């Protein structure tokens, strides 16, 4: 009974959601710590013009590595698969943005 309760977070959807949200949260925290005098839309525009937006988001995705290992350590293989899927989605977004 106890194992079933602990396994409710071992779902691919949970891993995918956390894998997609964690880099965005880290990116927003980087903005709040570094550039508090610039509005967020202007910050995004300036990062895009400097061609740094994709690079910064790519660095933020590295946090998914810790999340992935954490899920594996807890033996949440399905959730770890979701994090891996989110990381692959981010990789495709980076690939597409580099092409254009």
PDB file of N, CA and C in Angstrom:
ATOM      1  N   UNK A   1       0.813  -1.195   0.000  1.00  0.00           N
ATOM      2  CA  UNK A   1       0.000   0.000   0.000  1.00  0.00           C
ATOM      3  C   UNK A   1       0.857   1.259   0.000  1.00  0.00           C
ATOM      4  N   UNK A   2       1.909   1.263   0.791  1.00  0.00           N
ATOM      5  CA  UNK A   2       2.789   2.427   0.871  1.00  0.00           C
ATOM      6  C   UNK A   2       3.503   2.664  -0.456  1.00  0.00           C
ATOM      7  N   UNK A   3       3.911   1.589  -1.130  1.00  0.00           N
ATOM      8  CA  UNK A   3       4.614   1.743  -2.404  1.00  0.00           C
ATOM      9  C   UNK A   3       3.716   2.364  -3.463  1.00  0.00           C
ATOM     10  N   UNK A   4       2.454   1.998  -3.479  1.00  0.00           N
ATOM     11  CA  UNK A   4       1.525   2.557  -4.457  1.00  0.00           C
ATOM     12  C   UNK A   4       1.353   4.061  -4.259  1.00  0.00           C
ATOM     13  N   UNK A   5       1.350   4.515  -3.021  1.00  0.00           N
ATOM     14  CA  UNK A   5       1.192   5.932  -2.737  1.00  0.00           C
ATOM     15  C   UNK A   5       2.422   6.715  -3.201  1.00  0.00           C
ATOM     16  N   UNK A   6       3.611   6.173  -2.987  1.00  0.00           N
ATOM     17  CA  UNK A   6       4.838   6.853  -3.389  1.00  0.00           C
ATOM     18  C   UNK A   6       5.015   6.864  -4.896  1.00  0.00           C
ATOM     19  N   UNK A   7       4.426   5.948  -5.592  1.00  0.00           N
ATOM     20  CA  UNK A   7       4.596   5.837  -7.044  1.00  0.00           C
ATOM     21  C   UNK A   7       3.639   6.713  -7.837  1.00  0.00           C
ATOM     22  N   UNK A   8       2.811   7.512  -7.178  1.00  0.00           N
ATOM     23  CA  UNK A   8       1.860   8.329  -7.926  1.00  0.00           C
ATOM     24  C   UNK A   8       2.562   9.403  -8.757  1.00  0.00           C
ATOM     25  N   UNK A   9       3.797   9.742  -8.402  1.00  0.00           N
ATOM     26  CA  UNK A   9       4.550  10.717  -9.187  1.00  0.00           C
ATOM     27  C   UNK A   9       5.391  10.069 -10.273  1.00  0.00           C
ATOM     28  N   UNK A  10       5.398   8.765 -10.348  1.00  0.00           N
ATOM     29  CA  UNK A  10       6.157   8.053 -11.370  1.00  0.00           C
ATOM     30  C   UNK A  10       5.312   7.922 -12.631  1.00  0.00           C
ATOM     31  N   UNK A  11       5.063   9.078 -13.238  1.00  0.00           N
ATOM     32  CA  UNK A  11       4.278   9.115 -14.476  1.00  0.00           C
ATOM     33  C   UNK A  11       5.036   9.957 -15.491  1.00  0.00           C
ATOM     34  N   UNK A  12       4.920   9.575 -16.727  1.00  0.00           N
ATOM     35  CA  UNK A  12       5.644  10.275 -17.782  1.00  0.00           C
ATOM     36  C   UNK A  12       5.180  11.731 -17.892  1.00  0.00           C
ATOM     37  N   UNK A  13       3.904  11.979 -17.637  1.00  0.00           N
ATOM     38  CA  UNK A  13       3.372  13.344 -17.728  1.00  0.00           C
ATOM     39  C   UNK A  13       4.012  14.253 -16.683  1.00  0.00           C
ATOM     40  N   UNK A  14       4.236  13.715 -15.486  1.00  0.00           N
ATOM     41  CA  UNK A  14       4.881  14.495 -14.421  1.00  0.00           C
ATOM     42  C   UNK A  14       6.305  14.865 -14.835  1.00  0.00           C
ATOM     43  N   UNK A  15       7.026  13.907 -15.375  1.00  0.00           N
ATOM     44  CA  UNK A  15       8.392  14.164 -15.820  1.00  0.00           C
ATOM     45  C   UNK A  15       8.447  15.148 -16.972  1.00  0.00           C
ATOM     46  N   UNK A  16       7.527  15.011 -17.913  1.00  0.00           N
ATOM     47  CA  UNK A  16       7.486  15.924 -19.061  1.00  0.00           C
ATOM     48  C   UNK A  16       7.166  17.343 -18.602  1.00  0.00           C
ATOM     49  N   UNK A  17       6.203  17.476 -17.719  1.00  0.00           N
ATOM     50  CA  UNK A  17       5.817  18.797 -17.226  1.00  0.00           C
ATOM     51  C   UNK A  17       6.958  19.457 -16.444  1.00  0.00           C
ATOM     52  N   UNK A  18       7.571  18.706 -15.538  1.00  0.00           N
ATOM     53  CA  UNK A  18       8.680  19.287 -14.774  1.00  0.00           C
ATOM     54  C   UNK A  18       9.879  19.567 -15.673  1.00  0.00           C
ATOM     55  N   UNK A  19      10.115  18.713 -16.654  1.00  0.00           N
ATOM     56  CA  UNK A  19      11.222  18.925 -17.576  1.00  0.00           C
ATOM     57  C   UNK A  19      11.020  20.127 -18.481  1.00  0.00           C
ATOM     58  N   UNK A  20       9.772  20.462 -18.766  1.00  0.00           N
ATOM     59  CA  UNK A  20       9.492  21.643 -19.578  1.00  0.00           C
ATOM     60  C   UNK A  20       9.491  22.924 -18.737  1.00  0.00           C
ATOM     61  N   UNK A  21       9.018  22.828 -17.499  1.00  0.00           N
ATOM     62  CA  UNK A  21       8.891  24.028 -16.668  1.00  0.00           C
ATOM     63  C   UNK A  21      10.181  24.447 -15.978  1.00  0.00           C
ATOM     64  N   UNK A  22      11.004  23.506 -15.566  1.00  0.00           N
ATOM     65  CA  UNK A  22      12.213  23.851 -14.814  1.00  0.00           C
ATOM     66  C   UNK A  22      13.145  24.796 -15.576  1.00  0.00           C
ATOM     67  N   UNK A  23      13.455  24.559 -16.858  1.00  0.00           N
ATOM     68  CA  UNK A  23      14.318  25.522 -17.572  1.00  0.00           C
ATOM     69  C   UNK A  23      13.700  26.911 -17.698  1.00  0.00           C
ATOM     70  N   UNK A  24      12.386  26.975 -17.861  1.00  0.00           N
ATOM     71  CA  UNK A  24      11.717  28.274 -17.965  1.00  0.00           C
ATOM     72  C   UNK A  24      11.796  29.017 -16.632  1.00  0.00           C
ATOM     73  N   UNK A  25      11.602  28.304 -15.545  1.00  0.00           N
ATOM     74  CA  UNK A  25      11.695  28.917 -14.214  1.00  0.00           C
ATOM     75  C   UNK A  25      13.117  29.421 -13.967  1.00  0.00           C
ATOM     76  N   UNK A  26      14.108  28.631 -14.334  1.00  0.00           N
ATOM     77  CA  UNK A  26      15.505  29.044 -14.144  1.00  0.00           C
ATOM     78  C   UNK A  26      15.825  30.253 -15.013  1.00  0.00           C
ATOM     79  N   UNK A  27      15.324  30.265 -16.252  1.00  0.00           N
ATOM     80  CA  UNK A  27      15.534  31.419 -17.128  1.00  0.00           C
ATOM     81  C   UNK A  27      14.931  32.673 -16.508  1.00  0.00           C
ATOM     82  N   UNK A  28      13.729  32.545 -15.946  1.00  0.00           N
ATOM     83  CA  UNK A  28      13.082  33.698 -15.323  1.00  0.00           C
ATOM     84  C   UNK A  28      13.852  34.148 -14.086  1.00  0.00           C
ATOM     85  N   UNK A  29      14.387  33.218 -13.315  1.00  0.00           N
ATOM     86  CA  UNK A  29      15.197  33.578 -12.147  1.00  0.00           C
ATOM     87  C   UNK A  29      16.485  34.293 -12.560  1.00  0.00           C
ATOM     88  N   UNK A  30      17.090  33.856 -13.656  1.00  0.00           N
ATOM     89  CA  UNK A  30      18.281  34.539 -14.179  1.00  0.00           C
ATOM     90  C   UNK A  30      17.932  35.977 -14.552  1.00  0.00           C
ATOM     91  N   UNK A  31      16.772  36.157 -15.163  1.00  0.00           N
ATOM     92  CA  UNK A  31      16.327  37.510 -15.501  1.00  0.00           C
ATOM     93  C   UNK A  31      16.134  38.349 -14.243  1.00  0.00           C
ATOM     94  N   UNK A  32      15.450  37.785 -13.242  1.00  0.00           N
ATOM     95  CA  UNK A  32      15.177  38.548 -12.018  1.00  0.00           C
ATOM     96  C   UNK A  32      16.452  38.915 -11.272  1.00  0.00           C
ATOM     97  N   UNK A  33      17.426  38.029 -11.261  1.00  0.00           N
ATOM     98  CA  UNK A  33      18.672  38.296 -10.551  1.00  0.00           C
ATOM     99  C   UNK A  33      19.540  39.296 -11.320  1.00  0.00           C
ATOM    100  N   UNK A  34      19.582  39.149 -12.639  1.00  0.00           N
ATOM    101  CA  UNK A  34      20.505  39.950 -13.429  1.00  0.00           C
ATOM    102  C   UNK A  34      19.975  41.271 -13.927  1.00  0.00           C
ATOM    103  N   UNK A  35      18.761  41.305 -14.440  1.00  0.00           N
ATOM    104  CA  UNK A  35      18.248  42.495 -15.120  1.00  0.00           C
ATOM    105  C   UNK A  35      16.921  42.938 -14.516  1.00  0.00           C
ATOM    106  N   UNK A  36      16.954  43.568 -13.376  1.00  0.00           N
ATOM    107  CA  UNK A  36      15.706  44.014 -12.759  1.00  0.00           C
ATOM    108  C   UNK A  36      15.245  45.377 -13.277  1.00  0.00           C
ATOM    109  N   UNK A  37      16.097  46.098 -13.984  1.00  0.00           N
ATOM    110  CA  UNK A  37      15.719  47.418 -14.472  1.00  0.00           C
ATOM    111  C   UNK A  37      15.066  47.373 -15.858  1.00  0.00           C
ATOM    112  N   UNK A  38      15.119  46.244 -16.535  1.00  0.00           N
ATOM    113  CA  UNK A  38      14.566  46.092 -17.880  1.00  0.00           C
ATOM    114  C   UNK A  38      13.309  45.238 -17.791  1.00  0.00           C
ATOM    115  N   UNK A  39      12.277  45.622 -18.555  1.00  0.00           N
ATOM    116  CA  UNK A  39      11.063  44.805 -18.556  1.00  0.00           C
ATOM    117  C   UNK A  39      11.345  43.459 -19.222  1.00  0.00           C
ATOM    118  N   UNK A  40      10.561  42.467 -18.849  1.00  0.00           N
ATOM    119  CA  UNK A  40      10.801  41.122 -19.356  1.00  0.00           C
ATOM    120  C   UNK A  40      10.669  41.035 -20.880  1.00  0.00           C
ATOM    121  N   UNK A  41       9.644  41.643 -21.504  1.00  0.00           N
ATOM    122  CA  UNK A  41       9.588  41.601 -22.980  1.00  0.00           C
ATOM    123  C   UNK A  41      10.793  42.265 -23.647  1.00  0.00           C
ATOM    124  N   UNK A  42      11.261  43.390 -23.081  1.00  0.00           N
ATOM    125  CA  UNK A  42      12.441  44.055 -23.639  1.00  0.00           C
ATOM    126  C   UNK A  42      13.691  43.206 -23.447  1.00  0.00           C
ATOM    127  N   UNK A  43      13.759  42.514 -22.326  1.00  0.00           N
ATOM    128  CA  UNK A  43      14.878  41.605 -22.065  1.00  0.00           C
ATOM    129  C   UNK A  43      14.912  40.485 -23.111  1.00  0.00           C
ATOM    130  N   UNK A  44      13.733  39.914 -23.401  1.00  0.00           N
ATOM    131  CA  UNK A  44      13.664  38.859 -24.413  1.00  0.00           C
ATOM    132  C   UNK A  44      14.065  39.380 -25.790  1.00  0.00           C
ATOM    133  N   UNK A  45      13.590  40.582 -26.131  1.00  0.00           N
ATOM    134  CA  UNK A  45      13.931  41.165 -27.433  1.00  0.00           C
ATOM    135  C   UNK A  45      15.431  41.419 -27.554  1.00  0.00           C
ATOM    136  N   UNK A  46      16.021  41.951 -26.503  1.00  0.00           N
ATOM    137  CA  UNK A  46      17.460  42.244 -26.567  1.00  0.00           C
ATOM    138  C   UNK A  46      18.281  40.951 -26.622  1.00  0.00           C
ATOM    139  N   UNK A  47      17.860  39.932 -25.904  1.00  0.00           N
ATOM    140  CA  UNK A  47      18.566  38.648 -25.960  1.00  0.00           C
ATOM    141  C   UNK A  47      18.436  38.016 -27.345  1.00  0.00           C
ATOM    142  N   UNK A  48      17.277  38.189 -27.977  1.00  0.00           N
ATOM    143  CA  UNK A  48      17.078  37.640 -29.319  1.00  0.00           C
ATOM    144  C   UNK A  48      17.947  38.380 -30.334  1.00  0.00           C
ATOM    145  N   UNK A  49      18.027  39.710 -30.206  1.00  0.00           N
ATOM    146  CA  UNK A  49      18.857  40.498 -31.121  1.00  0.00           C
ATOM    147  C   UNK A  49      20.339  40.157 -30.966  1.00  0.00           C
ATOM    148  N   UNK A  50      20.758  39.884 -29.745  1.00  0.00           N
ATOM    149  CA  UNK A  50      22.158  39.517 -29.494  1.00  0.00           C
ATOM    150  C   UNK A  50      22.447  38.050 -29.817  1.00  0.00           C
ATOM    151  N   UNK A  51      21.418  37.334 -30.228  1.00  0.00           N
ATOM    152  CA  UNK A  51      21.495  35.890 -30.500  1.00  0.00           C
ATOM    153  C   UNK A  51      21.967  35.111 -29.277  1.00  0.00           C
ATOM    154  N   UNK A  52      21.540  35.582 -28.108  1.00  0.00           N
ATOM    155  CA  UNK A  52      21.923  34.925 -26.861  1.00  0.00           C
ATOM    156  C   UNK A  52      20.767  34.181 -26.216  1.00  0.00           C
ATOM    157  N   UNK A  53      19.559  34.398 -26.689  1.00  0.00           N
ATOM    158  CA  UNK A  53      18.388  33.777 -26.070  1.00  0.00           C
ATOM    159  C   UNK A  53      18.460  32.255 -26.142  1.00  0.00           C
ATOM    160  N   UNK A  54      18.804  31.732 -27.288  1.00  0.00           N
ATOM    161  CA  UNK A  54      18.887  30.278 -27.463  1.00  0.00           C
ATOM    162  C   UNK A  54      20.022  29.700 -26.621  1.00  0.00           C
ATOM    163  N   UNK A  55      21.117  30.420 -26.540  1.00  0.00           N
ATOM    164  CA  UNK A  55      22.256  29.942 -25.753  1.00  0.00           C
ATOM    165  C   UNK A  55      21.924  29.897 -24.268  1.00  0.00           C
ATOM    166  N   UNK A  56      21.246  30.920 -23.788  1.00  0.00           N
ATOM    167  CA  UNK A  56      20.881  30.966 -22.367  1.00  0.00           C
ATOM    168  C   UNK A  56      19.861  29.873 -22.055  1.00  0.00           C
ATOM    169  N   UNK A  57      18.875  29.698 -22.931  1.00  0.00           N
ATOM    170  CA  UNK A  57      17.889  28.635 -22.698  1.00  0.00           C
ATOM    171  C   UNK A  57      18.544  27.259 -22.757  1.00  0.00           C
ATOM    172  N   UNK A  58      19.530  27.095 -23.621  1.00  0.00           N
ATOM    173  CA  UNK A  58      20.242  25.820 -23.678  1.00  0.00           C
ATOM    174  C   UNK A  58      20.959  25.538 -22.364  1.00  0.00           C
ATOM    175  N   UNK A  59      21.523  26.564 -21.760  1.00  0.00           N
ATOM    176  CA  UNK A  59      22.168  26.391 -20.464  1.00  0.00           C
ATOM    177  C   UNK A  59      21.157  26.080 -19.369  1.00  0.00           C
ATOM    178  N   UNK A  60      19.983  26.667 -19.466  1.00  0.00           N
ATOM    179  CA  UNK A  60      18.946  26.406 -18.465  1.00  0.00           C
ATOM    180  C   UNK A  60      18.451  24.962 -18.532  1.00  0.00           C
ATOM    181  N   UNK A  61      18.533  24.351 -19.691  1.00  0.00           N
ATOM    182  CA  UNK A  61      18.081  22.965 -19.853  1.00  0.00           C
ATOM    183  C   UNK A  61      19.012  22.007 -19.115  1.00  0.00           C
ATOM    184  N   UNK A  62      20.227  22.421 -18.809  1.00  0.00           N
ATOM    185  CA  UNK A  62      21.146  21.553 -18.065  1.00  0.00           C
ATOM    186  C   UNK A  62      20.583  21.168 -16.690  1.00  0.00           C
ATOM    187  N   UNK A  63      19.674  21.967 -16.160  1.00  0.00           N
ATOM    188  CA  UNK A  63      19.048  21.622 -14.876  1.00  0.00           C
ATOM    189  C   UNK A  63      18.228  20.343 -14.995  1.00  0.00           C
ATOM    190  N   UNK A  64      17.794  20.031 -16.208  1.00  0.00           N
ATOM    191  CA  UNK A  64      17.055  18.791 -16.415  1.00  0.00           C
ATOM    192  C   UNK A  64      17.917  17.571 -16.118  1.00  0.00           C
ATOM    193  N   UNK A  65      19.213  17.717 -16.230  1.00  0.00           N
ATOM    194  CA  UNK A  65      20.107  16.606 -15.918  1.00  0.00           C
ATOM    195  C   UNK A  65      19.990  16.221 -14.447  1.00  0.00           C
ATOM    196  N   UNK A  66      19.971  17.212 -13.580  1.00  0.00           N
ATOM    197  CA  UNK A  66      19.817  16.939 -12.148  1.00  0.00           C
ATOM    198  C   UNK A  66      18.439  16.347 -11.855  1.00  0.00           C
ATOM    199  N   UNK A  67      17.434  16.865 -12.532  1.00  0.00           N
ATOM    200  CA  UNK A  67      16.079  16.339 -12.365  1.00  0.00           C
ATOM    201  C   UNK A  67      15.998  14.885 -12.841  1.00  0.00           C
ATOM    202  N   UNK A  68      16.622  14.604 -13.974  1.00  0.00           N
ATOM    203  CA  UNK A  68      16.654  13.251 -14.525  1.00  0.00           C
ATOM    204  C   UNK A  68      17.316  12.289 -13.550  1.00  0.00           C
ATOM    205  N   UNK A  69      18.493  12.658 -13.034  1.00  0.00           N
ATOM    206  CA  UNK A  69      19.195  11.789 -12.089  1.00  0.00           C
ATOM    207  C   UNK A  69      18.427  11.643 -10.782  1.00  0.00           C
ATOM    208  N   UNK A  70      17.750  12.698 -10.368  1.00  0.00           N
ATOM    209  CA  UNK A  70      16.935  12.621  -9.159  1.00  0.00           C
ATOM    210  C   UNK A  70      15.798  11.622  -9.299  1.00  0.00           C
ATOM    211  N   UNK A  71      15.128  11.667 -10.446  1.00  0.00           N
ATOM    212  CA  UNK A  71      14.056  10.697 -10.684  1.00  0.00           C
ATOM    213  C   UNK A  71      14.606   9.276 -10.764  1.00  0.00           C
ATOM    214  N   UNK A  72      15.763   9.119 -11.386  1.00  0.00           N
ATOM    215  CA  UNK A  72      16.351   7.782 -11.441  1.00  0.00           C
ATOM    216  C   UNK A  72      16.754   7.287 -10.059  1.00  0.00           C
ATOM    217  N   UNK A  73      17.262   8.181  -9.235  1.00  0.00           N
ATOM    218  CA  UNK A  73      17.665   7.809  -7.872  1.00  0.00           C
ATOM    219  C   UNK A  73      16.456   7.349  -7.055  1.00  0.00           C
ATOM    220  N   UNK A  74      15.308   7.993  -7.297  1.00  0.00           N
ATOM    221  CA  UNK A  74      14.075   7.611  -6.613  1.00  0.00           C
ATOM    222  C   UNK A  74      13.400   6.391  -7.254  1.00  0.00           C
ATOM    223  N   UNK A  75      14.007   5.911  -8.327  1.00  0.00           N
ATOM    224  CA  UNK A  75      13.475   4.786  -9.100  1.00  0.00           C
ATOM    225  C   UNK A  75      12.132   5.132  -9.769  1.00  0.00           C
ATOM    226  N   UNK A  76      12.042   6.377 -10.229  1.00  0.00           N
ATOM    227  CA  UNK A  76      10.883   6.831 -10.995  1.00  0.00           C
ATOM    228  C   UNK A  76      11.264   6.840 -12.469  1.00  0.00           C
ATOM    229  N   UNK A  77      11.325   5.666 -13.055  1.00  0.00           N
ATOM    230  CA  UNK A  77      11.800   5.549 -14.435  1.00  0.00           C
ATOM    231  C   UNK A  77      10.874   6.223 -15.440  1.00  0.00           C
ATOM    232  N   UNK A  78       9.579   6.147 -15.213  1.00  0.00           N
ATOM    233  CA  UNK A  78       8.637   6.782 -16.149  1.00  0.00           C
ATOM    234  C   UNK A  78       8.782   8.312 -16.117  1.00  0.00           C
ATOM    235  N   UNK A  79       8.915   8.868 -14.935  1.00  0.00           N
ATOM    236  CA  UNK A  79       9.097  10.317 -14.820  1.00  0.00           C
ATOM    237  C   UNK A  79      10.427  10.741 -15.448  1.00  0.00           C
ATOM    238  N   UNK A  80      11.465   9.926 -15.266  1.00  0.00           N
ATOM    239  CA  UNK A  80      12.761  10.221 -15.887  1.00  0.00           C
ATOM    240  C   UNK A  80      12.642  10.202 -17.406  1.00  0.00           C
ATOM    241  N   UNK A  81      11.827   9.297 -17.929  1.00  0.00           N
ATOM    242  CA  UNK A  81      11.588   9.253 -19.377  1.00  0.00           C
ATOM    243  C   UNK A  81      10.914  10.535 -19.851  1.00  0.00           C
ATOM    244  N   UNK A  82       9.999  11.069 -19.054  1.00  0.00           N
ATOM    245  CA  UNK A  82       9.345  12.329 -19.397  1.00  0.00           C
ATOM    246  C   UNK A  82      10.323  13.490 -19.431  1.00  0.00           C
ATOM    247  N   UNK A  83      11.246  13.527 -18.476  1.00  0.00           N
ATOM    248  CA  UNK A  83      12.273  14.583 -18.463  1.00  0.00           C
ATOM    249  C   UNK A  83      13.156  14.458 -19.696  1.00  0.00           C
ATOM    250  N   UNK A  84      13.501  13.241 -20.049  1.00  0.00           N
ATOM    251  CA  UNK A  84      14.305  13.026 -21.253  1.00  0.00           C
ATOM    252  C   UNK A  84      13.555  13.493 -22.495  1.00  0.00           C
ATOM    253  N   UNK A  85      12.262  13.225 -22.548  1.00  0.00           N
ATOM    254  CA  UNK A  85      11.439  13.700 -23.674  1.00  0.00           C
ATOM    255  C   UNK A  85      11.403  15.212 -23.752  1.00  0.00           C
ATOM    256  N   UNK A  86      11.281  15.871 -22.610  1.00  0.00           N
ATOM    257  CA  UNK A  86      11.270  17.338 -22.588  1.00  0.00           C
ATOM    258  C   UNK A  86      12.612  17.890 -23.052  1.00  0.00           C
ATOM    259  N   UNK A  87      13.686  17.244 -22.647  1.00  0.00           N
ATOM    260  CA  UNK A  87      15.019  17.685 -23.061  1.00  0.00           C
ATOM    261  C   UNK A  87      15.195  17.531 -24.571  1.00  0.00           C
ATOM    262  N   UNK A  88      14.679  16.452 -25.116  1.00  0.00           N
ATOM    263  CA  UNK A  88      14.745  16.247 -26.564  1.00  0.00           C
ATOM    264  C   UNK A  88      13.910  17.299 -27.288  1.00  0.00           C
ATOM    265  N   UNK A  89      12.749  17.658 -26.733  1.00  0.00           N
ATOM    266  CA  UNK A  89      11.939  18.733 -27.334  1.00  0.00           C
ATOM    267  C   UNK A  89      12.699  20.055 -27.350  1.00  0.00           C
ATOM    268  N   UNK A  90      13.374  20.372 -26.252  1.00  0.00           N
ATOM    269  CA  UNK A  90      14.191  21.586 -26.214  1.00  0.00           C
ATOM    270  C   UNK A  90      15.320  21.516 -27.238  1.00  0.00           C
ATOM    271  N   UNK A  91      15.906  20.349 -27.416  1.00  0.00           N
ATOM    272  CA  UNK A  91      16.977  20.198 -28.403  1.00  0.00           C
ATOM    273  C   UNK A  91      16.442  20.467 -29.817  1.00  0.00           C
ATOM    274  N   UNK A  92      15.235  19.986 -30.110  1.00  0.00           N
ATOM    275  CA  UNK A  92      14.644  20.263 -31.424  1.00  0.00           C
ATOM    276  C   UNK A  92      14.349  21.747 -31.591  1.00  0.00           C
ATOM    277  N   UNK A  93      13.899  22.406 -30.525  1.00  0.00           N
ATOM    278  CA  UNK A  93      13.653  23.852 -30.615  1.00  0.00           C
ATOM    279  C   UNK A  93      14.933  24.620 -30.889  1.00  0.00           C
ATOM    280  N   UNK A  94      16.021  24.225 -30.250  1.00  0.00           N
ATOM    281  CA  UNK A  94      17.317  24.860 -30.492  1.00  0.00           C
ATOM    282  C   UNK A  94      17.754  24.618 -31.932  1.00  0.00           C
ATOM    283  N   UNK A  95      17.568  23.413 -32.402  1.00  0.00           N
ATOM    284  CA  UNK A  95      17.937  23.076 -33.788  1.00  0.00           C
ATOM    285  C   UNK A  95      17.147  23.900 -34.788  1.00  0.00           C
ATOM    286  N   UNK A  96      15.855  24.030 -34.544  1.00  0.00           N
ATOM    287  CA  UNK A  96      14.993  24.816 -35.442  1.00  0.00           C
ATOM    288  C   UNK A  96      15.366  26.289 -35.390  1.00  0.00           C
ATOM    289  N   UNK A  97      15.634  26.832 -34.193  1.00  0.00           N
ATOM    290  CA  UNK A  97      15.975  28.244 -34.077  1.00  0.00           C
ATOM    291  C   UNK A  97      17.332  28.552 -34.713  1.00  0.00           C
ATOM    292  N   UNK A  98      18.248  27.582 -34.700  1.00  0.00           N
ATOM    293  CA  UNK A  98      19.545  27.779 -35.368  1.00  0.00           C
ATOM    294  C   UNK A  98      19.398  27.774 -36.877  1.00  0.00           C
ATOM    295  N   UNK A  99      18.392  27.066 -37.369  1.00  0.00           N
ATOM    296  CA  UNK A  99      18.189  26.992 -38.816  1.00  0.00           C
ATOM    297  C   UNK A  99      17.614  28.294 -39.379  1.00  0.00           C
ATOM    298  N   UNK A 100      16.917  29.056 -38.554  1.00  0.00           N
ATOM    299  CA  UNK A 100      16.279  30.289 -39.045  1.00  0.00           C
ATOM    300  C   UNK A 100      16.907  31.488 -38.472  1.00  0.00           C
TER     301      UNK A 100
END
